[in-house]
PDB file of all heavy atoms in Angstrom:
ATOM      1  N   ALA A   1     138.515 -56.722  -9.812  1.00  0.00           N
ATOM      2  CA  ALA A   1     138.680 -57.209  -8.440  1.00  0.00           C
ATOM      3  C   ALA A   1     137.225 -57.288  -7.834  1.00  0.00           C
ATOM      4  O   ALA A   1     136.171 -56.814  -8.318  1.00  0.00           O
ATOM      5  CB  ALA A   1     139.353 -56.225  -7.562  1.00  0.00           C
ATOM      6  N   LEU A   2     137.062 -58.031  -6.735  1.00  0.00           N
ATOM      7  CA  LEU A   2     135.834 -58.139  -6.090  1.00  0.00           C
ATOM      8  C   LEU A   2     135.435 -56.745  -5.539  1.00  0.00           C
ATOM      9  O   LEU A   2     136.211 -55.955  -5.274  1.00  0.00           O
ATOM     10  CB  LEU A   2     135.947 -59.140  -4.860  1.00  0.00           C
ATOM     11  CG  LEU A   2     136.175 -60.592  -5.209  1.00  0.00           C
ATOM     12  CD1 LEU A   2     136.471 -61.384  -3.883  1.00  0.00           C
ATOM     13  CD2 LEU A   2     135.126 -61.202  -5.965  1.00  0.00           C
ATOM     14  N   ARG A   3     134.122 -56.596  -5.488  1.00  0.00           N
ATOM     15  CA  ARG A   3     133.432 -55.370  -5.056  1.00  0.00           C
ATOM     16  C   ARG A   3     133.749 -54.186  -5.978  1.00  0.00           C
ATOM     17  O   ARG A   3     133.633 -52.999  -5.512  1.00  0.00           O
ATOM     18  CB  ARG A   3     133.886 -55.059  -3.666  1.00  0.00           C
ATOM     19  CG  ARG A   3     133.364 -55.972  -2.617  1.00  0.00           C
ATOM     20  CD  ARG A   3     134.009 -55.813  -1.237  1.00  0.00           C
ATOM     21  NE  ARG A   3     134.014 -54.433  -0.732  1.00  0.00           N
ATOM     22  CZ  ARG A   3     133.008 -53.840  -0.146  1.00  0.00           C
ATOM     23  NH1 ARG A   3     131.894 -54.518   0.097  1.00  0.00           N
ATOM     24  NH2 ARG A   3     133.091 -52.594   0.237  1.00  0.00           N
ATOM     25  N   VAL A   4     134.036 -54.441  -7.242  1.00  0.00           N
ATOM     26  CA  VAL A   4     134.022 -53.418  -8.305  1.00  0.00           C
ATOM     27  C   VAL A   4     133.135 -53.727  -9.249  1.00  0.00           C
ATOM     28  O   VAL A   4     132.956 -54.912  -9.828  1.00  0.00           O
ATOM     29  CB  VAL A   4     135.488 -53.470  -8.933  1.00  0.00           C
ATOM     30  CG1 VAL A   4     135.594 -52.400 -10.153  1.00  0.00           C
ATOM     31  CG2 VAL A   4     136.641 -53.153  -7.971  1.00  0.00           C
ATOM     32  N   TYR A   5     132.214 -52.656  -9.559  1.00  0.00           N
ATOM     33  CA  TYR A   5     131.093 -53.057 -10.454  1.00  0.00           C
ATOM     34  C   TYR A   5     131.092 -52.154 -11.715  1.00  0.00           C
ATOM     35  O   TYR A   5     131.961 -51.262 -11.818  1.00  0.00           O
ATOM     36  CB  TYR A   5     129.750 -52.641  -9.654  1.00  0.00           C
ATOM     37  CG  TYR A   5     129.565 -53.476  -8.371  1.00  0.00           C
ATOM     38  CD1 TYR A   5     130.148 -52.976  -7.172  1.00  0.00           C
ATOM     39  CD2 TYR A   5     129.017 -54.773  -8.366  1.00  0.00           C
ATOM     40  CE1 TYR A   5     130.077 -53.719  -6.052  1.00  0.00           C
ATOM     41  CE2 TYR A   5     128.884 -55.461  -7.139  1.00  0.00           C
ATOM     42  CZ  TYR A   5     129.437 -54.953  -5.999  1.00  0.00           C
ATOM     43  OH  TYR A   5     129.261 -55.629  -4.908  1.00  0.00           O
ATOM     44  N   VAL A   6     130.358 -52.441 -12.621  1.00  0.00           N
ATOM     45  CA  VAL A   6     130.261 -51.714 -13.961  1.00  0.00           C
ATOM     46  C   VAL A   6     128.834 -51.286 -14.317  1.00  0.00           C
ATOM     47  O   VAL A   6     128.110 -52.038 -15.028  1.00  0.00           O
ATOM     48  CB  VAL A   6     130.963 -52.539 -15.179  1.00  0.00           C
ATOM     49  CG1 VAL A   6     131.032 -51.673 -16.251  1.00  0.00           C
ATOM     50  CG2 VAL A   6     132.176 -53.155 -14.615  1.00  0.00           C
ATOM     51  N   PRO A   7     128.312 -50.205 -13.756  1.00  0.00           N
ATOM     52  CA  PRO A   7     126.950 -49.814 -14.045  1.00  0.00           C
ATOM     53  C   PRO A   7     126.797 -49.113 -15.234  1.00  0.00           C
ATOM     54  O   PRO A   7     125.650 -48.920 -15.704  1.00  0.00           O
ATOM     55  CB  PRO A   7     126.734 -49.073 -12.781  1.00  0.00           C
ATOM     56  CG  PRO A   7     127.926 -48.363 -12.357  1.00  0.00           C
ATOM     57  CD  PRO A   7     128.972 -49.436 -12.652  1.00  0.00           C
ATOM     58  N   ALA A   8     127.858 -48.644 -15.878  1.00  0.00           N
ATOM     59  CA  ALA A   8     127.688 -47.824 -17.174  1.00  0.00           C
ATOM     60  C   ALA A   8     128.862 -47.963 -18.058  1.00  0.00           C
ATOM     61  O   ALA A   8     129.884 -48.096 -17.625  1.00  0.00           O
ATOM     62  CB  ALA A   8     127.596 -46.215 -16.850  1.00  0.00           C
ATOM     63  N   THR A   9     128.499 -47.922 -19.317  1.00  0.00           N
ATOM     64  CA  THR A   9     129.596 -48.175 -20.363  1.00  0.00           C
ATOM     65  C   THR A   9     129.274 -47.099 -21.565  1.00  0.00           C
ATOM     66  O   THR A   9     128.081 -46.927 -21.902  1.00  0.00           O
ATOM     67  CB  THR A   9     129.493 -49.514 -20.962  1.00  0.00           C
ATOM     68  OG1 THR A   9     129.799 -50.487 -19.876  1.00  0.00           O
ATOM     69  CG2 THR A   9     130.616 -49.764 -21.991  1.00  0.00           C
ATOM     70  N   LEU A  10     130.297 -46.553 -22.208  1.00  0.00           N
ATOM     71  CA  LEU A  10     130.167 -45.769 -23.286  1.00  0.00           C
ATOM     72  C   LEU A  10     131.003 -46.389 -24.420  1.00  0.00           C
ATOM     73  O   LEU A  10     132.287 -46.654 -24.311  1.00  0.00           O
ATOM     74  CB  LEU A  10     130.723 -44.362 -23.019  1.00  0.00           C
ATOM     75  CG  LEU A  10     129.729 -43.439 -22.274  1.00  0.00           C
ATOM     76  CD1 LEU A  10     130.317 -42.100 -22.015  1.00  0.00           C
ATOM     77  CD2 LEU A  10     128.426 -43.178 -23.195  1.00  0.00           C
ATOM     78  N   LEU A  11     130.458 -46.501 -25.618  1.00  0.00           N
ATOM     79  CA  LEU A  11     131.233 -46.936 -26.779  1.00  0.00           C
ATOM     80  C   LEU A  11     131.273 -45.809 -27.910  1.00  0.00           C
ATOM     81  O   LEU A  11     130.215 -45.331 -28.218  1.00  0.00           O
ATOM     82  CB  LEU A  11     130.542 -48.176 -27.258  1.00  0.00           C
ATOM     83  CG  LEU A  11     130.785 -49.447 -26.526  1.00  0.00           C
ATOM     84  CD1 LEU A  11     129.885 -50.573 -26.887  1.00  0.00           C
ATOM     85  CD2 LEU A  11     132.168 -49.975 -26.581  1.00  0.00           C
ATOM     86  N   PHE A  12     132.433 -45.671 -28.396  1.00  0.00           N
ATOM     87  CA  PHE A  12     132.626 -44.828 -29.543  1.00  0.00           C
ATOM     88  C   PHE A  12     133.341 -45.544 -30.629  1.00  0.00           C
ATOM     89  O   PHE A  12     133.541 -46.785 -30.511  1.00  0.00           O
ATOM     90  CB  PHE A  12     133.515 -43.564 -29.172  1.00  0.00           C
ATOM     91  CG  PHE A  12     132.798 -42.667 -28.034  1.00  0.00           C
ATOM     92  CD1 PHE A  12     133.259 -42.812 -26.846  1.00  0.00           C
ATOM     93  CD2 PHE A  12     131.782 -41.895 -28.388  1.00  0.00           C
ATOM     94  CE1 PHE A  12     132.711 -42.049 -25.790  1.00  0.00           C
ATOM     95  CE2 PHE A  12     131.214 -41.180 -27.320  1.00  0.00           C
ATOM     96  CZ  PHE A  12     131.569 -41.165 -26.019  1.00  0.00           C
ATOM     97  N   GLU A  13     133.690 -44.948 -31.757  1.00  0.00           N
ATOM     98  CA  GLU A  13     134.161 -45.720 -32.818  1.00  0.00           C
ATOM     99  C   GLU A  13     135.449 -46.507 -32.473  1.00  0.00           C
ATOM    100  O   GLU A  13     135.732 -47.685 -32.853  1.00  0.00           O
ATOM    101  CB  GLU A  13     134.514 -44.754 -34.114  1.00  0.00           C
ATOM    102  CG  GLU A  13     134.967 -45.565 -35.262  1.00  0.00           C
ATOM    103  CD  GLU A  13     135.261 -44.599 -36.455  1.00  0.00           C
ATOM    104  OE1 GLU A  13     134.963 -43.420 -36.366  1.00  0.00           O
ATOM    105  OE2 GLU A  13     135.606 -45.214 -37.502  1.00  0.00           O
ATOM    106  N   ARG A  14     136.442 -45.825 -31.779  1.00  0.00           N
ATOM    107  CA  ARG A  14     137.618 -46.443 -31.488  1.00  0.00           C
ATOM    108  C   ARG A  14     137.866 -46.542 -29.929  1.00  0.00           C
ATOM    109  O   ARG A  14     139.001 -47.017 -29.476  1.00  0.00           O
ATOM    110  CB  ARG A  14     138.844 -45.753 -32.088  1.00  0.00           C
ATOM    111  CG  ARG A  14     138.814 -45.546 -33.563  1.00  0.00           C
ATOM    112  CD  ARG A  14     139.981 -44.975 -34.167  1.00  0.00           C
ATOM    113  NE  ARG A  14     141.235 -45.550 -33.746  1.00  0.00           N
ATOM    114  CZ  ARG A  14     141.783 -46.605 -34.436  1.00  0.00           C
ATOM    115  NH1 ARG A  14     141.063 -47.108 -35.521  1.00  0.00           N
ATOM    116  NH2 ARG A  14     142.875 -47.128 -34.043  1.00  0.00           N
ATOM    117  N   ASP A  15     137.003 -45.850 -29.034  1.00  0.00           N
ATOM    118  CA  ASP A  15     137.288 -45.839 -27.623  1.00  0.00           C
ATOM    119  C   ASP A  15     136.098 -46.475 -26.924  1.00  0.00           C
ATOM    120  O   ASP A  15     134.857 -46.449 -27.436  1.00  0.00           O
ATOM    121  CB  ASP A  15     137.262 -44.339 -27.160  1.00  0.00           C
ATOM    122  CG  ASP A  15     138.525 -43.622 -27.766  1.00  0.00           C
ATOM    123  OD1 ASP A  15     138.406 -43.303 -29.065  1.00  0.00           O
ATOM    124  OD2 ASP A  15     139.514 -43.496 -27.128  1.00  0.00           O
ATOM    125  N   VAL A  16     136.314 -46.988 -25.747  1.00  0.00           N
ATOM    126  CA  VAL A  16     135.308 -47.464 -24.863  1.00  0.00           C
ATOM    127  C   VAL A  16     135.644 -47.046 -23.412  1.00  0.00           C
ATOM    128  O   VAL A  16     136.772 -47.053 -23.037  1.00  0.00           O
ATOM    129  CB  VAL A  16     135.185 -49.015 -24.975  1.00  0.00           C
ATOM    130  CG1 VAL A  16     136.483 -49.759 -24.560  1.00  0.00           C
ATOM    131  CG2 VAL A  16     134.185 -49.552 -24.008  1.00  0.00           C
ATOM    132  N   PHE A  17     134.688 -46.727 -22.656  1.00  0.00           N
ATOM    133  CA  PHE A  17     134.753 -46.192 -21.267  1.00  0.00           C
ATOM    134  C   PHE A  17     133.939 -47.106 -20.397  1.00  0.00           C
ATOM    135  O   PHE A  17     132.696 -47.195 -20.708  1.00  0.00           O
ATOM    136  CB  PHE A  17     134.495 -44.725 -21.123  1.00  0.00           C
ATOM    137  CG  PHE A  17     135.378 -43.909 -21.776  1.00  0.00           C
ATOM    138  CD1 PHE A  17     135.297 -43.622 -23.187  1.00  0.00           C
ATOM    139  CD2 PHE A  17     136.401 -43.167 -21.039  1.00  0.00           C
ATOM    140  CE1 PHE A  17     136.091 -42.618 -23.749  1.00  0.00           C
ATOM    141  CE2 PHE A  17     137.227 -42.246 -21.702  1.00  0.00           C
ATOM    142  CZ  PHE A  17     137.113 -41.964 -23.148  1.00  0.00           C
ATOM    143  N   PHE A  18     134.444 -47.576 -19.338  1.00  0.00           N
ATOM    144  CA  PHE A  18     133.672 -48.237 -18.325  1.00  0.00           C
ATOM    145  C   PHE A  18     133.711 -47.519 -17.036  1.00  0.00           C
ATOM    146  O   PHE A  18     134.818 -47.101 -16.577  1.00  0.00           O
ATOM    147  CB  PHE A  18     134.197 -49.642 -18.090  1.00  0.00           C
ATOM    148  CG  PHE A  18     134.220 -50.468 -19.348  1.00  0.00           C
ATOM    149  CD1 PHE A  18     135.261 -50.747 -20.094  1.00  0.00           C
ATOM    150  CD2 PHE A  18     133.000 -51.275 -19.538  1.00  0.00           C
ATOM    151  CE1 PHE A  18     135.326 -51.477 -21.286  1.00  0.00           C
ATOM    152  CE2 PHE A  18     133.040 -52.121 -20.731  1.00  0.00           C
ATOM    153  CZ  PHE A  18     134.133 -52.140 -21.584  1.00  0.00           C
ATOM    154  N   LEU A  19     132.480 -47.233 -16.498  1.00  0.00           N
ATOM    155  CA  LEU A  19     132.435 -46.635 -15.104  1.00  0.00           C
ATOM    156  C   LEU A  19     132.458 -47.659 -14.086  1.00  0.00           C
ATOM    157  O   LEU A  19     131.685 -48.670 -14.148  1.00  0.00           O
ATOM    158  CB  LEU A  19     131.154 -45.766 -15.111  1.00  0.00           C
ATOM    159  CG  LEU A  19     130.874 -44.912 -13.920  1.00  0.00           C
ATOM    160  CD1 LEU A  19     131.744 -43.787 -13.862  1.00  0.00           C
ATOM    161  CD2 LEU A  19     129.456 -44.529 -13.764  1.00  0.00           C
ATOM    162  N   MET A  20     133.358 -47.607 -13.049  1.00  0.00           N
ATOM    163  CA  MET A  20     133.586 -48.745 -12.200  1.00  0.00           C
ATOM    164  C   MET A  20     133.665 -48.314 -10.710  1.00  0.00           C
ATOM    165  O   MET A  20     134.735 -48.042 -10.265  1.00  0.00           O
ATOM    166  CB  MET A  20     134.914 -49.515 -12.544  1.00  0.00           C
ATOM    167  CG  MET A  20     134.863 -49.949 -14.077  1.00  0.00           C
ATOM    168  SD  MET A  20     136.256 -51.064 -14.438  1.00  0.00           S
ATOM    169  CE  MET A  20     137.642 -50.199 -13.852  1.00  0.00           C
ATOM    170  N   PRO A  21     132.503 -48.121 -10.135  1.00  0.00           N
ATOM    171  CA  PRO A  21     132.512 -47.801  -8.617  1.00  0.00           C
ATOM    172  C   PRO A  21     133.308 -48.980  -7.787  1.00  0.00           C
ATOM    173  O   PRO A  21     132.940 -50.080  -7.999  1.00  0.00           O
ATOM    174  CB  PRO A  21     131.194 -47.720  -8.168  1.00  0.00           C
ATOM    175  CG  PRO A  21     130.307 -48.436  -9.294  1.00  0.00           C
ATOM    176  CD  PRO A  21     131.128 -48.311 -10.506  1.00  0.00           C
ATOM    177  N   ASP A  22     134.232 -48.504  -7.026  1.00  0.00           N
ATOM    178  CA  ASP A  22     135.051 -49.544  -6.365  1.00  0.00           C
ATOM    179  C   ASP A  22     134.789 -49.453  -4.798  1.00  0.00           C
ATOM    180  O   ASP A  22     135.245 -48.484  -4.240  1.00  0.00           O
ATOM    181  CB  ASP A  22     136.592 -49.279  -6.657  1.00  0.00           C
ATOM    182  CG  ASP A  22     137.448 -50.345  -5.970  1.00  0.00           C
ATOM    183  OD1 ASP A  22     137.019 -51.137  -5.071  1.00  0.00           O
ATOM    184  OD2 ASP A  22     138.626 -50.531  -6.355  1.00  0.00           O
ATOM    185  N   HIS A  23     134.082 -50.392  -4.264  1.00  0.00           N
ATOM    186  CA  HIS A  23     133.642 -50.276  -2.940  1.00  0.00           C
ATOM    187  C   HIS A  23     134.863 -50.701  -1.939  1.00  0.00           C
ATOM    188  O   HIS A  23     134.693 -50.459  -0.660  1.00  0.00           O
ATOM    189  CB  HIS A  23     132.552 -51.274  -2.680  1.00  0.00           C
ATOM    190  CG  HIS A  23     131.133 -50.788  -3.118  1.00  0.00           C
ATOM    191  ND1 HIS A  23     130.286 -50.284  -2.493  1.00  0.00           N
ATOM    192  CD2 HIS A  23     130.785 -50.611  -4.447  1.00  0.00           C
ATOM    193  CE1 HIS A  23     129.126 -49.835  -3.151  1.00  0.00           C
ATOM    194  NE2 HIS A  23     129.540 -50.026  -4.445  1.00  0.00           N
ATOM    195  N   ASN A  24     135.927 -51.077  -2.421  1.00  0.00           N
ATOM    196  CA  ASN A  24     137.055 -51.291  -1.657  1.00  0.00           C
ATOM    197  C   ASN A  24     137.782 -50.087  -1.177  1.00  0.00           C
ATOM    198  O   ASN A  24     138.296 -50.025  -0.087  1.00  0.00           O
ATOM    199  CB  ASN A  24     138.081 -52.212  -2.358  1.00  0.00           C
ATOM    200  CG  ASN A  24     137.497 -53.435  -2.824  1.00  0.00           C
ATOM    201  OD1 ASN A  24     137.230 -54.439  -1.987  1.00  0.00           O
ATOM    202  ND2 ASN A  24     137.316 -53.626  -4.091  1.00  0.00           N
ATOM    203  N   ILE A  25     137.707 -49.124  -2.001  1.00  0.00           N
ATOM    204  CA  ILE A  25     138.316 -47.825  -1.793  1.00  0.00           C
ATOM    205  C   ILE A  25     137.273 -46.519  -1.637  1.00  0.00           C
ATOM    206  O   ILE A  25     137.646 -45.491  -1.462  1.00  0.00           O
ATOM    207  CB  ILE A  25     139.311 -47.349  -2.752  1.00  0.00           C
ATOM    208  CG1 ILE A  25     138.723 -47.285  -4.193  1.00  0.00           C
ATOM    209  CG2 ILE A  25     140.426 -48.376  -2.702  1.00  0.00           C
ATOM    210  CD1 ILE A  25     139.809 -46.935  -5.343  1.00  0.00           C
ATOM    211  N   ASN A  26     135.916 -46.899  -1.954  1.00  0.00           N
ATOM    212  CA  ASN A  26     134.906 -45.928  -1.952  1.00  0.00           C
ATOM    213  C   ASN A  26     135.201 -44.816  -2.899  1.00  0.00           C
ATOM    214  O   ASN A  26     134.854 -43.676  -2.691  1.00  0.00           O
ATOM    215  CB  ASN A  26     134.734 -45.384  -0.451  1.00  0.00           C
ATOM    216  CG  ASN A  26     133.932 -46.306   0.395  1.00  0.00           C
ATOM    217  OD1 ASN A  26     132.959 -47.035  -0.163  1.00  0.00           O
ATOM    218  ND2 ASN A  26     134.126 -46.231   1.606  1.00  0.00           N
ATOM    219  N   LYS A  27     135.733 -45.219  -3.996  1.00  0.00           N
ATOM    220  CA  LYS A  27     135.916 -44.141  -5.044  1.00  0.00           C
ATOM    221  C   LYS A  27     135.565 -44.849  -6.422  1.00  0.00           C
ATOM    222  O   LYS A  27     135.261 -46.141  -6.524  1.00  0.00           O
ATOM    223  CB  LYS A  27     137.528 -43.795  -5.157  1.00  0.00           C
ATOM    224  CG  LYS A  27     137.900 -43.117  -3.909  1.00  0.00           C
ATOM    225  CD  LYS A  27     139.431 -42.755  -3.958  1.00  0.00           C
ATOM    226  CE  LYS A  27     139.949 -41.871  -2.827  1.00  0.00           C
ATOM    227  NZ  LYS A  27     141.378 -41.724  -2.861  1.00  0.00           N
TER     228      LYS A  27
END
């Protein structure tokens, strides 16, 4: 969605994590 960003990503062999601060909900 708009105002959702991705400043950090973690990659493992089978898993991936995206950190996504959402300014629409401030969480």
